[in-house]
Amino acid sequence: MSAQIGFSRMDTKTQPMSLGWLRGLRDYWVLTKPEVNFLVVISTLVGFHLGTRGSLDGARLVHTLLGTLLVASGTATLNQLMERDADARMRRTAARPLPSGRLSAASALGFGLVLSVVGGVYLWLAVNALASLLALSTLASYLLIYTPLKKRTPWCTFIGAFPGAMPPLIGWAGAAGHLSREAWVLYAMLFLWQFPHFLAIAWMYREDYGRAGLQMLPRGDTEGRAMARLLVGYSLALLPISLLPTWMGQAGMLYFLGALALGLMYVHSSARLARARTNALAKRLLLASVVYLPLVFALLMLDKTVG
């Protein structure tokens, strides 16, 4: 009986410690922005798949995805470190590990640097120098150019789209060791896709961004008219670009018809938000954007015609 009581007491003491360890692990996981990395991995995968000539090298694919994921996770961690003060002022981010105080800045710095350096070196050694340089240049431009500009100019969204569209190029470089015009079509697709996606987020959280001093929408555009023009313009520009793989012989009619239908859906969702600028429609456009990208890339891989 006494032994059972003793075991019970020991269990109650160790349980909080184990839960604390799990919470800490979860906080580090949150620093890597896994929801963003899901799209990074998909975009890298499609670049690798389409850049492959002949049979796909499974081991090389895993190396490319893992290295890219490490660098992307390091970038996300260091980004949250740089923006911890702004995050503390926004309702949707105040509970993140850094602004809430659950993790220290030093811990995040060390974690982010380790992920970034290990990822870059891993890509260099296990894949090739081009893939590593592309990944590290993405990290540098995202952290040193895009992130500081978010407090200075609404052009930050346009500038941030350049590193944001890099994952397909990393994947292509990992498979082929060089970049071709087909790779740049993928880059252009992801570049243009980002604008309706991020403008929807910026409109939904415009008050939060205003409190934090982040300029994610056109300056002085309180009614969203300039945003509306951007939404329609970029979604319309994406539509013909997304059909280029068929014209270039990279995919067949299955992809063409699917990309056309998905593109029209994306334009429709953007146009609806442009007409009636409500948070509900912004949320629907955000959902449409996260449906569009994986599906159009999946169709492109499924209907690949170049062996």
C-alpha atoms as a PDB file:
ATOM      1  CA  MET A   1       0.000   0.000   0.000  1.00  0.00           C
ATOM      2  CA  SER A   2       2.757   2.442   0.981  1.00  0.00           C
ATOM      3  CA  ALA A   3       4.677   1.530  -2.160  1.00  0.00           C
ATOM      4  CA  GLN A   4       1.665   2.415  -4.278  1.00  0.00           C
ATOM      5  CA  ILE A   5       1.331   5.744  -2.470  1.00  0.00           C
ATOM      6  CA  GLY A   6       5.020   6.488  -3.019  1.00  0.00           C
ATOM      7  CA  PHE A   7       4.726   5.714  -6.734  1.00  0.00           C
ATOM      8  CA  SER A   8       1.683   7.960  -6.970  1.00  0.00           C
ATOM      9  CA  ARG A   9       3.561  10.876  -5.431  1.00  0.00           C
ATOM     10  CA  MET A  10       6.538  10.423  -7.731  1.00  0.00           C
ATOM     11  CA  ASP A  11       4.185  10.335 -10.740  1.00  0.00           C
ATOM     12  CA  THR A  12       2.557  13.644  -9.806  1.00  0.00           C
ATOM     13  CA  LYS A  13       5.974  15.263  -9.533  1.00  0.00           C
ATOM     14  CA  THR A  14       7.316  14.030 -12.831  1.00  0.00           C
ATOM     15  CA  GLN A  15       4.157  14.650 -14.861  1.00  0.00           C
ATOM     16  CA  PRO A  16       4.474  18.479 -14.866  1.00  0.00           C
ATOM     17  CA  MET A  17       8.121  18.157 -15.891  1.00  0.00           C
ATOM     18  CA  SER A  18       7.229  15.959 -18.862  1.00  0.00           C
ATOM     19  CA  LEU A  19       4.388  18.273 -19.862  1.00  0.00           C
ATOM     20  CA  GLY A  20       6.738  21.256 -19.647  1.00  0.00           C
ATOM     21  CA  TRP A  21       9.220  19.498 -21.911  1.00  0.00           C
ATOM     22  CA  LEU A  22       6.482  18.783 -24.436  1.00  0.00           C
ATOM     23  CA  ARG A  23       5.279  22.379 -24.344  1.00  0.00           C
ATOM     24  CA  GLY A  24       8.820  23.585 -24.927  1.00  0.00           C
ATOM     25  CA  LEU A  25       9.179  21.251 -27.873  1.00  0.00           C
ATOM     26  CA  ARG A  26       5.892  22.525 -29.271  1.00  0.00           C
ATOM     27  CA  ASP A  27       7.085  26.126 -28.927  1.00  0.00           C
ATOM     28  CA  TYR A  28      10.184  25.394 -30.997  1.00  0.00           C
ATOM     29  CA  TRP A  29       7.938  23.687 -33.552  1.00  0.00           C
ATOM     30  CA  VAL A  30       5.752  26.815 -33.723  1.00  0.00           C
ATOM     31  CA  LEU A  31       8.846  28.945 -34.380  1.00  0.00           C
ATOM     32  CA  THR A  32       9.417  27.063 -37.638  1.00  0.00           C
ATOM     33  CA  LYS A  33       5.946  28.037 -39.012  1.00  0.00           C
ATOM     34  CA  PRO A  34       4.965  24.504 -40.138  1.00  0.00           C
ATOM     35  CA  GLU A  35       1.882  25.738 -41.996  1.00  0.00           C
ATOM     36  CA  VAL A  36       4.116  27.865 -44.249  1.00  0.00           C
ATOM     37  CA  ASN A  37       6.680  25.092 -44.612  1.00  0.00           C
ATOM     38  CA  PHE A  38       3.985  22.769 -45.942  1.00  0.00           C
ATOM     39  CA  LEU A  39       3.680  24.989 -49.020  1.00  0.00           C
ATOM     40  CA  VAL A  40       7.470  25.367 -49.204  1.00  0.00           C
ATOM     41  CA  VAL A  41       7.890  21.590 -49.345  1.00  0.00           C
ATOM     42  CA  ILE A  42       5.164  21.201 -51.985  1.00  0.00           C
ATOM     43  CA  SER A  43       6.702  23.944 -54.138  1.00  0.00           C
ATOM     44  CA  THR A  44      10.177  22.421 -53.818  1.00  0.00           C
ATOM     45  CA  LEU A  45       8.803  18.982 -54.662  1.00  0.00           C
ATOM     46  CA  VAL A  46       7.141  20.169 -57.870  1.00  0.00           C
ATOM     47  CA  GLY A  47      10.338  21.928 -58.929  1.00  0.00           C
ATOM     48  CA  PHE A  48      12.377  18.776 -58.349  1.00  0.00           C
ATOM     49  CA  HIS A  49       9.854  16.554 -60.106  1.00  0.00           C
ATOM     50  CA  LEU A  50       9.623  18.746 -63.195  1.00  0.00           C
ATOM     51  CA  GLY A  51      13.370  19.337 -63.262  1.00  0.00           C
ATOM     52  CA  THR A  52      14.052  15.591 -63.350  1.00  0.00           C
ATOM     53  CA  ARG A  53      14.960  14.046 -66.678  1.00  0.00           C
ATOM     54  CA  GLY A  54      14.612  10.292 -66.734  1.00  0.00           C
ATOM     55  CA  SER A  55      13.944   8.354 -63.550  1.00  0.00           C
ATOM     56  CA  LEU A  56      13.467  10.291 -60.341  1.00  0.00           C
ATOM     57  CA  ASP A  57      16.287  10.028 -57.799  1.00  0.00           C
ATOM     58  CA  GLY A  58      14.418   9.372 -54.564  1.00  0.00           C
ATOM     59  CA  ALA A  59      17.400   9.845 -52.255  1.00  0.00           C
ATOM     60  CA  ARG A  60      18.334  13.147 -53.870  1.00  0.00           C
ATOM     61  CA  LEU A  61      14.719  14.296 -53.583  1.00  0.00           C
ATOM     62  CA  VAL A  62      14.696  13.570 -49.839  1.00  0.00           C
ATOM     63  CA  HIS A  63      18.006  15.443 -49.404  1.00  0.00           C
ATOM     64  CA  THR A  64      16.641  18.435 -51.320  1.00  0.00           C
ATOM     65  CA  LEU A  65      13.380  18.566 -49.362  1.00  0.00           C
ATOM     66  CA  LEU A  66      15.086  18.098 -46.007  1.00  0.00           C
ATOM     67  CA  GLY A  67      17.740  20.737 -46.638  1.00  0.00           C
ATOM     68  CA  THR A  68      15.193  23.224 -47.922  1.00  0.00           C
ATOM     69  CA  LEU A  69      12.917  22.532 -44.955  1.00  0.00           C
ATOM     70  CA  LEU A  70      15.778  23.167 -42.529  1.00  0.00           C
ATOM     71  CA  VAL A  71      16.668  26.508 -44.121  1.00  0.00           C
ATOM     72  CA  ALA A  72      12.997  27.524 -44.314  1.00  0.00           C
ATOM     73  CA  SER A  73      12.508  26.626 -40.653  1.00  0.00           C
ATOM     74  CA  GLY A  74      15.577  28.615 -39.687  1.00  0.00           C
ATOM     75  CA  THR A  75      14.323  31.580 -41.698  1.00  0.00           C
ATOM     76  CA  ALA A  76      10.912  31.443 -40.009  1.00  0.00           C
ATOM     77  CA  THR A  77      12.518  31.244 -36.568  1.00  0.00           C
ATOM     78  CA  LEU A  78      14.828  34.200 -37.163  1.00  0.00           C
ATOM     79  CA  ASN A  79      11.938  36.164 -38.677  1.00  0.00           C
ATOM     80  CA  GLN A  80       9.884  35.674 -35.518  1.00  0.00           C
ATOM     81  CA  LEU A  81      12.894  36.736 -33.476  1.00  0.00           C
ATOM     82  CA  MET A  82      13.218  39.966 -35.462  1.00  0.00           C
ATOM     83  CA  GLU A  83       9.483  40.671 -35.258  1.00  0.00           C
ATOM     84  CA  ARG A  84       8.835  39.678 -31.639  1.00  0.00           C
ATOM     85  CA  ASP A  85       8.025  43.252 -30.575  1.00  0.00           C
ATOM     86  CA  ALA A  86       5.550  43.713 -33.434  1.00  0.00           C
ATOM     87  CA  ASP A  87       4.046  40.288 -32.733  1.00  0.00           C
ATOM     88  CA  ALA A  88       3.451  41.321 -29.121  1.00  0.00           C
ATOM     89  CA  ARG A  89       1.197  44.162 -30.328  1.00  0.00           C
ATOM     90  CA  MET A  90      -1.004  41.966 -32.527  1.00  0.00           C
ATOM     91  CA  ARG A  91      -3.813  39.826 -31.166  1.00  0.00           C
ATOM     92  CA  ARG A  92      -3.245  36.945 -33.560  1.00  0.00           C
ATOM     93  CA  THR A  93       0.478  36.660 -32.756  1.00  0.00           C
ATOM     94  CA  ALA A  94       0.761  37.797 -29.133  1.00  0.00           C
ATOM     95  CA  ALA A  95       0.600  34.193 -27.907  1.00  0.00           C
ATOM     96  CA  ARG A  96       3.580  33.084 -29.988  1.00  0.00           C
ATOM     97  CA  PRO A  97       6.522  31.679 -27.985  1.00  0.00           C
ATOM     98  CA  LEU A  98       8.713  34.809 -28.132  1.00  0.00           C
ATOM     99  CA  PRO A  99       6.277  37.670 -27.418  1.00  0.00           C
ATOM    100  CA  SER A 100       4.597  35.582 -24.712  1.00  0.00           C
ATOM    101  CA  GLY A 101       7.966  35.000 -23.024  1.00  0.00           C
ATOM    102  CA  ARG A 102       7.836  31.205 -23.158  1.00  0.00           C
ATOM    103  CA  LEU A 103      11.104  31.154 -25.100  1.00  0.00           C
ATOM    104  CA  SER A 104      14.013  33.560 -24.818  1.00  0.00           C
ATOM    105  CA  ALA A 105      15.479  35.543 -27.688  1.00  0.00           C
ATOM    106  CA  ALA A 106      18.826  33.782 -27.186  1.00  0.00           C
ATOM    107  CA  SER A 107      17.177  30.360 -27.516  1.00  0.00           C
ATOM    108  CA  ALA A 108      15.415  31.384 -30.722  1.00  0.00           C
ATOM    109  CA  LEU A 109      18.596  32.887 -32.145  1.00  0.00           C
ATOM    110  CA  GLY A 110      20.595  29.740 -31.513  1.00  0.00           C
ATOM    111  CA  PHE A 111      17.840  27.497 -32.832  1.00  0.00           C
ATOM    112  CA  GLY A 112      17.355  29.564 -35.977  1.00  0.00           C
ATOM    113  CA  LEU A 113      21.069  29.808 -36.749  1.00  0.00           C
ATOM    114  CA  VAL A 114      21.613  26.076 -36.283  1.00  0.00           C
ATOM    115  CA  LEU A 115      18.714  25.204 -38.582  1.00  0.00           C
ATOM    116  CA  SER A 116      19.838  27.674 -41.243  1.00  0.00           C
ATOM    117  CA  VAL A 117      23.522  26.741 -41.240  1.00  0.00           C
ATOM    118  CA  VAL A 118      22.897  22.999 -41.067  1.00  0.00           C
ATOM    119  CA  GLY A 119      20.335  23.258 -43.868  1.00  0.00           C
ATOM    120  CA  GLY A 120      22.614  25.288 -46.115  1.00  0.00           C
ATOM    121  CA  VAL A 121      25.607  23.012 -45.564  1.00  0.00           C
ATOM    122  CA  TYR A 122      23.451  19.924 -45.983  1.00  0.00           C
ATOM    123  CA  LEU A 123      22.159  21.121 -49.352  1.00  0.00           C
ATOM    124  CA  TRP A 124      25.703  21.946 -50.467  1.00  0.00           C
ATOM    125  CA  LEU A 125      27.097  18.540 -49.536  1.00  0.00           C
ATOM    126  CA  ALA A 126      24.133  16.245 -50.208  1.00  0.00           C
ATOM    127  CA  VAL A 127      22.608  17.998 -53.243  1.00  0.00           C
ATOM    128  CA  ASN A 128      24.642  20.711 -55.000  1.00  0.00           C
ATOM    129  CA  ALA A 129      26.016  24.211 -54.586  1.00  0.00           C
ATOM    130  CA  LEU A 130      23.293  25.896 -56.648  1.00  0.00           C
ATOM    131  CA  ALA A 131      20.463  24.553 -54.496  1.00  0.00           C
ATOM    132  CA  SER A 132      22.331  25.655 -51.358  1.00  0.00           C
ATOM    133  CA  LEU A 133      23.038  29.149 -52.700  1.00  0.00           C
ATOM    134  CA  LEU A 134      19.425  29.624 -53.762  1.00  0.00           C
ATOM    135  CA  ALA A 135      18.171  28.573 -50.323  1.00  0.00           C
ATOM    136  CA  LEU A 136      20.621  30.797 -48.461  1.00  0.00           C
ATOM    137  CA  SER A 137      19.936  33.769 -50.739  1.00  0.00           C
ATOM    138  CA  THR A 138      16.241  33.307 -49.955  1.00  0.00           C
ATOM    139  CA  LEU A 139      17.030  33.433 -46.245  1.00  0.00           C
ATOM    140  CA  ALA A 140      19.213  36.525 -46.611  1.00  0.00           C
ATOM    141  CA  SER A 141      16.779  38.522 -48.756  1.00  0.00           C
ATOM    142  CA  TYR A 142      13.794  37.565 -46.599  1.00  0.00           C
ATOM    143  CA  LEU A 143      15.452  38.548 -43.330  1.00  0.00           C
ATOM    144  CA  LEU A 144      17.665  41.447 -44.397  1.00  0.00           C
ATOM    145  CA  ILE A 145      15.413  43.135 -46.973  1.00  0.00           C
ATOM    146  CA  TYR A 146      11.774  42.055 -46.723  1.00  0.00           C
ATOM    147  CA  THR A 147      11.420  41.883 -42.936  1.00  0.00           C
ATOM    148  CA  PRO A 148      12.839  45.370 -42.169  1.00  0.00           C
ATOM    149  CA  LEU A 149      10.822  46.913 -45.013  1.00  0.00           C
ATOM    150  CA  LYS A 150       7.519  45.786 -43.472  1.00  0.00           C
ATOM    151  CA  LYS A 151       7.712  48.787 -41.137  1.00  0.00           C
ATOM    152  CA  ARG A 152       8.805  51.227 -43.833  1.00  0.00           C
ATOM    153  CA  THR A 153       6.858  50.744 -47.036  1.00  0.00           C
ATOM    154  CA  PRO A 154       3.890  48.845 -48.499  1.00  0.00           C
ATOM    155  CA  TRP A 155       6.257  47.766 -51.279  1.00  0.00           C
ATOM    156  CA  CYS A 156       7.506  45.143 -48.819  1.00  0.00           C
ATOM    157  CA  THR A 157       4.861  42.716 -50.129  1.00  0.00           C
ATOM    158  CA  PHE A 158       6.131  43.042 -53.688  1.00  0.00           C
ATOM    159  CA  ILE A 159       9.767  42.712 -52.616  1.00  0.00           C
ATOM    160  CA  GLY A 160       9.010  39.778 -50.316  1.00  0.00           C
ATOM    161  CA  ALA A 161       7.399  37.885 -53.178  1.00  0.00           C
ATOM    162  CA  PHE A 162      10.824  37.415 -54.796  1.00  0.00           C
ATOM    163  CA  PRO A 163      12.312  35.221 -52.042  1.00  0.00           C
ATOM    164  CA  GLY A 164       8.858  33.770 -51.416  1.00  0.00           C
ATOM    165  CA  ALA A 165       8.790  32.276 -54.924  1.00  0.00           C
ATOM    166  CA  MET A 166      12.202  30.600 -54.638  1.00  0.00           C
ATOM    167  CA  PRO A 167      11.304  27.021 -53.500  1.00  0.00           C
ATOM    168  CA  PRO A 168      10.513  25.661 -57.025  1.00  0.00           C
ATOM    169  CA  LEU A 169      13.902  26.931 -58.206  1.00  0.00           C
ATOM    170  CA  ILE A 170      15.631  25.175 -55.309  1.00  0.00           C
ATOM    171  CA  GLY A 171      13.852  21.952 -56.203  1.00  0.00           C
ATOM    172  CA  TRP A 172      14.675  22.306 -59.895  1.00  0.00           C
ATOM    173  CA  ALA A 173      18.315  23.031 -59.106  1.00  0.00           C
ATOM    174  CA  GLY A 174      18.408  20.019 -56.808  1.00  0.00           C
ATOM    175  CA  ALA A 175      17.262  17.737 -59.626  1.00  0.00           C
ATOM    176  CA  ALA A 176      18.971  19.259 -62.653  1.00  0.00           C
ATOM    177  CA  GLY A 177      21.906  21.236 -61.269  1.00  0.00           C
ATOM    178  CA  HIS A 178      20.871  24.263 -63.355  1.00  0.00           C
ATOM    179  CA  LEU A 179      17.839  26.433 -64.077  1.00  0.00           C
ATOM    180  CA  SER A 180      15.879  26.555 -67.329  1.00  0.00           C
ATOM    181  CA  ARG A 181      13.043  28.698 -68.660  1.00  0.00           C
ATOM    182  CA  GLU A 182      10.550  26.081 -67.464  1.00  0.00           C
ATOM    183  CA  ALA A 183      11.860  26.561 -63.923  1.00  0.00           C
ATOM    184  CA  TRP A 184      11.279  30.300 -64.194  1.00  0.00           C
ATOM    185  CA  VAL A 185       7.673  29.687 -65.242  1.00  0.00           C
ATOM    186  CA  LEU A 186       7.146  27.887 -61.927  1.00  0.00           C
ATOM    187  CA  TYR A 187       8.817  30.805 -60.189  1.00  0.00           C
ATOM    188  CA  ALA A 188       6.486  33.275 -61.939  1.00  0.00           C
ATOM    189  CA  MET A 189       3.429  31.232 -60.973  1.00  0.00           C
ATOM    190  CA  LEU A 190       4.348  31.215 -57.298  1.00  0.00           C
ATOM    191  CA  PHE A 191       5.387  34.876 -57.443  1.00  0.00           C
ATOM    192  CA  LEU A 192       1.972  35.982 -58.744  1.00  0.00           C
ATOM    193  CA  TRP A 193       0.000  33.572 -56.537  1.00  0.00           C
ATOM    194  CA  GLN A 194       1.351  35.228 -53.405  1.00  0.00           C
ATOM    195  CA  PHE A 195      -0.331  38.598 -53.888  1.00  0.00           C
ATOM    196  CA  PRO A 196      -4.014  37.647 -53.534  1.00  0.00           C
ATOM    197  CA  HIS A 197      -2.988  35.241 -50.753  1.00  0.00           C
ATOM    198  CA  PHE A 198      -1.120  37.837 -48.693  1.00  0.00           C
ATOM    199  CA  LEU A 199      -3.476  40.723 -49.472  1.00  0.00           C
ATOM    200  CA  ALA A 200      -6.359  38.640 -48.130  1.00  0.00           C
ATOM    201  CA  ILE A 201      -4.412  38.091 -44.907  1.00  0.00           C
ATOM    202  CA  ALA A 202      -3.442  41.769 -44.724  1.00  0.00           C
ATOM    203  CA  TRP A 203      -7.073  42.857 -45.140  1.00  0.00           C
ATOM    204  CA  MET A 204      -8.346  40.438 -42.505  1.00  0.00           C
ATOM    205  CA  TYR A 205      -5.764  41.619 -39.976  1.00  0.00           C
ATOM    206  CA  ARG A 206      -5.364  45.245 -41.076  1.00  0.00           C
ATOM    207  CA  GLU A 207      -6.100  46.557 -37.570  1.00  0.00           C
ATOM    208  CA  ASP A 208      -3.542  44.214 -36.050  1.00  0.00           C
ATOM    209  CA  TYR A 209      -0.929  45.246 -38.586  1.00  0.00           C
ATOM    210  CA  GLY A 210      -1.750  48.908 -37.926  1.00  0.00           C
ATOM    211  CA  ARG A 211      -1.133  48.465 -34.193  1.00  0.00           C
ATOM    212  CA  ALA A 212       2.221  46.853 -34.923  1.00  0.00           C
ATOM    213  CA  GLY A 213       3.215  49.497 -37.460  1.00  0.00           C
ATOM    214  CA  LEU A 214       3.503  46.984 -40.322  1.00  0.00           C
ATOM    215  CA  GLN A 215       2.668  48.436 -43.737  1.00  0.00           C
ATOM    216  CA  MET A 216       1.196  45.455 -45.554  1.00  0.00           C
ATOM    217  CA  LEU A 217      -1.481  47.348 -47.520  1.00  0.00           C
ATOM    218  CA  PRO A 218      -1.202  50.351 -49.868  1.00  0.00           C
ATOM    219  CA  ARG A 219      -0.655  53.483 -47.803  1.00  0.00           C
ATOM    220  CA  GLY A 220      -3.839  55.398 -47.020  1.00  0.00           C
ATOM    221  CA  ASP A 221      -6.031  52.722 -48.633  1.00  0.00           C
ATOM    222  CA  THR A 222      -8.563  52.608 -45.797  1.00  0.00           C
ATOM    223  CA  GLU A 223     -11.405  51.550 -48.095  1.00  0.00           C
ATOM    224  CA  GLY A 224      -9.366  48.911 -49.900  1.00  0.00           C
ATOM    225  CA  ARG A 225      -9.770  50.278 -53.419  1.00  0.00           C
ATOM    226  CA  ALA A 226      -6.079  50.040 -54.301  1.00  0.00           C
ATOM    227  CA  MET A 227      -5.984  46.565 -52.793  1.00  0.00           C
ATOM    228  CA  ALA A 228      -8.956  45.608 -54.965  1.00  0.00           C
ATOM    229  CA  ARG A 229      -7.114  46.595 -58.137  1.00  0.00           C
ATOM    230  CA  LEU A 230      -4.069  44.597 -57.062  1.00  0.00           C
ATOM    231  CA  LEU A 231      -6.169  41.535 -56.282  1.00  0.00           C
ATOM    232  CA  VAL A 232      -7.793  41.451 -59.698  1.00  0.00           C
ATOM    233  CA  GLY A 233      -4.628  42.393 -61.562  1.00  0.00           C
ATOM    234  CA  TYR A 234      -2.394  39.736 -60.041  1.00  0.00           C
ATOM    235  CA  SER A 235      -4.984  36.944 -60.198  1.00  0.00           C
ATOM    236  CA  LEU A 236      -5.656  37.747 -63.863  1.00  0.00           C
ATOM    237  CA  ALA A 237      -1.913  37.818 -64.600  1.00  0.00           C
ATOM    238  CA  LEU A 238      -1.494  34.415 -62.958  1.00  0.00           C
ATOM    239  CA  LEU A 239      -4.091  32.768 -65.214  1.00  0.00           C
ATOM    240  CA  PRO A 240      -2.165  32.852 -68.553  1.00  0.00           C
ATOM    241  CA  ILE A 241       1.175  32.228 -66.814  1.00  0.00           C
ATOM    242  CA  SER A 242      -0.227  29.087 -65.211  1.00  0.00           C
ATOM    243  CA  LEU A 243      -1.162  27.742 -68.668  1.00  0.00           C
ATOM    244  CA  LEU A 244       2.348  28.140 -70.095  1.00  0.00           C
ATOM    245  CA  PRO A 245       3.521  24.635 -69.079  1.00  0.00           C
ATOM    246  CA  THR A 246       1.111  23.132 -71.620  1.00  0.00           C
ATOM    247  CA  TRP A 247       2.184  25.572 -74.338  1.00  0.00           C
ATOM    248  CA  MET A 248       5.845  24.760 -73.593  1.00  0.00           C
ATOM    249  CA  GLY A 249       5.234  20.998 -73.825  1.00  0.00           C
ATOM    250  CA  GLN A 250       5.765  20.472 -70.108  1.00  0.00           C
ATOM    251  CA  ALA A 251       2.227  19.225 -69.442  1.00  0.00           C
ATOM    252  CA  GLY A 252      -0.820  18.054 -71.383  1.00  0.00           C
ATOM    253  CA  MET A 253      -4.513  18.880 -71.597  1.00  0.00           C
ATOM    254  CA  LEU A 254      -5.378  17.439 -68.203  1.00  0.00           C
ATOM    255  CA  TYR A 255      -3.206  20.071 -66.581  1.00  0.00           C
ATOM    256  CA  PHE A 256      -4.415  22.799 -68.963  1.00  0.00           C
ATOM    257  CA  LEU A 257      -8.085  22.258 -68.180  1.00  0.00           C
ATOM    258  CA  GLY A 258      -7.481  21.834 -64.454  1.00  0.00           C
ATOM    259  CA  ALA A 259      -5.257  24.918 -64.221  1.00  0.00           C
ATOM    260  CA  LEU A 260      -7.799  26.919 -66.201  1.00  0.00           C
ATOM    261  CA  ALA A 261     -10.642  25.916 -63.868  1.00  0.00           C
ATOM    262  CA  LEU A 262      -8.573  26.561 -60.741  1.00  0.00           C
ATOM    263  CA  GLY A 263      -7.314  29.861 -62.128  1.00  0.00           C
ATOM    264  CA  LEU A 264     -10.838  31.057 -62.868  1.00  0.00           C
ATOM    265  CA  MET A 265     -11.834  30.082 -59.347  1.00  0.00           C
ATOM    266  CA  TYR A 266      -8.937  32.143 -57.985  1.00  0.00           C
ATOM    267  CA  VAL A 267      -9.881  35.128 -60.151  1.00  0.00           C
ATOM    268  CA  HIS A 268     -13.509  34.819 -59.040  1.00  0.00           C
ATOM    269  CA  SER A 269     -12.564  34.741 -55.363  1.00  0.00           C
ATOM    270  CA  SER A 270     -10.265  37.742 -55.834  1.00  0.00           C
ATOM    271  CA  ALA A 271     -12.946  39.678 -57.726  1.00  0.00           C
ATOM    272  CA  ARG A 272     -15.523  39.012 -55.012  1.00  0.00           C
ATOM    273  CA  LEU A 273     -13.213  40.471 -52.370  1.00  0.00           C
ATOM    274  CA  ALA A 274     -12.410  43.388 -54.681  1.00  0.00           C
ATOM    275  CA  ARG A 275     -16.125  44.208 -55.019  1.00  0.00           C
ATOM    276  CA  ALA A 276     -17.178  43.767 -51.397  1.00  0.00           C
ATOM    277  CA  ARG A 277     -14.199  44.157 -49.114  1.00  0.00           C
ATOM    278  CA  THR A 278     -15.327  42.137 -46.098  1.00  0.00           C
ATOM    279  CA  ASN A 279     -13.361  39.921 -43.772  1.00  0.00           C
ATOM    280  CA  ALA A 280     -15.586  36.975 -44.657  1.00  0.00           C
ATOM    281  CA  LEU A 281     -14.684  37.262 -48.345  1.00  0.00           C
ATOM    282  CA  ALA A 282     -11.029  37.753 -47.463  1.00  0.00           C
ATOM    283  CA  LYS A 283     -11.165  34.488 -45.521  1.00  0.00           C
ATOM    284  CA  ARG A 284     -12.733  32.754 -48.517  1.00  0.00           C
ATOM    285  CA  LEU A 285     -10.009  34.074 -50.804  1.00  0.00           C
ATOM    286  CA  LEU A 286      -7.383  32.839 -48.347  1.00  0.00           C
ATOM    287  CA  LEU A 287      -8.970  29.397 -48.422  1.00  0.00           C
ATOM    288  CA  ALA A 288      -9.119  29.494 -52.233  1.00  0.00           C
ATOM    289  CA  SER A 289      -5.418  30.360 -52.357  1.00  0.00           C
ATOM    290  CA  VAL A 290      -4.337  27.426 -50.182  1.00  0.00           C
ATOM    291  CA  VAL A 291      -6.522  25.105 -52.268  1.00  0.00           C
ATOM    292  CA  TYR A 292      -5.299  26.470 -55.594  1.00  0.00           C
ATOM    293  CA  LEU A 293      -1.561  26.062 -55.160  1.00  0.00           C
ATOM    294  CA  PRO A 294      -1.295  22.401 -54.071  1.00  0.00           C
ATOM    295  CA  LEU A 295      -3.899  21.321 -56.635  1.00  0.00           C
ATOM    296  CA  VAL A 296      -2.381  23.112 -59.601  1.00  0.00           C
ATOM    297  CA  PHE A 297       1.068  21.788 -58.695  1.00  0.00           C
ATOM    298  CA  ALA A 298      -0.318  18.275 -58.213  1.00  0.00           C
ATOM    299  CA  LEU A 299      -1.907  18.440 -61.676  1.00  0.00           C
ATOM    300  CA  LEU A 300       1.370  19.645 -63.139  1.00  0.00           C
ATOM    301  CA  MET A 301       3.282  16.701 -61.671  1.00  0.00           C
ATOM    302  CA  LEU A 302       0.563  14.230 -62.632  1.00  0.00           C
ATOM    303  CA  ASP A 303       0.397  15.438 -66.247  1.00  0.00           C
ATOM    304  CA  LYS A 304       4.111  15.913 -66.803  1.00  0.00           C
ATOM    305  CA  THR A 305       4.944  15.100 -70.429  1.00  0.00           C
ATOM    306  CA  VAL A 306       8.700  15.686 -70.559  1.00  0.00           C
ATOM    307  CA  GLY A 307      10.598  12.514 -69.623  1.00  0.00           C
END
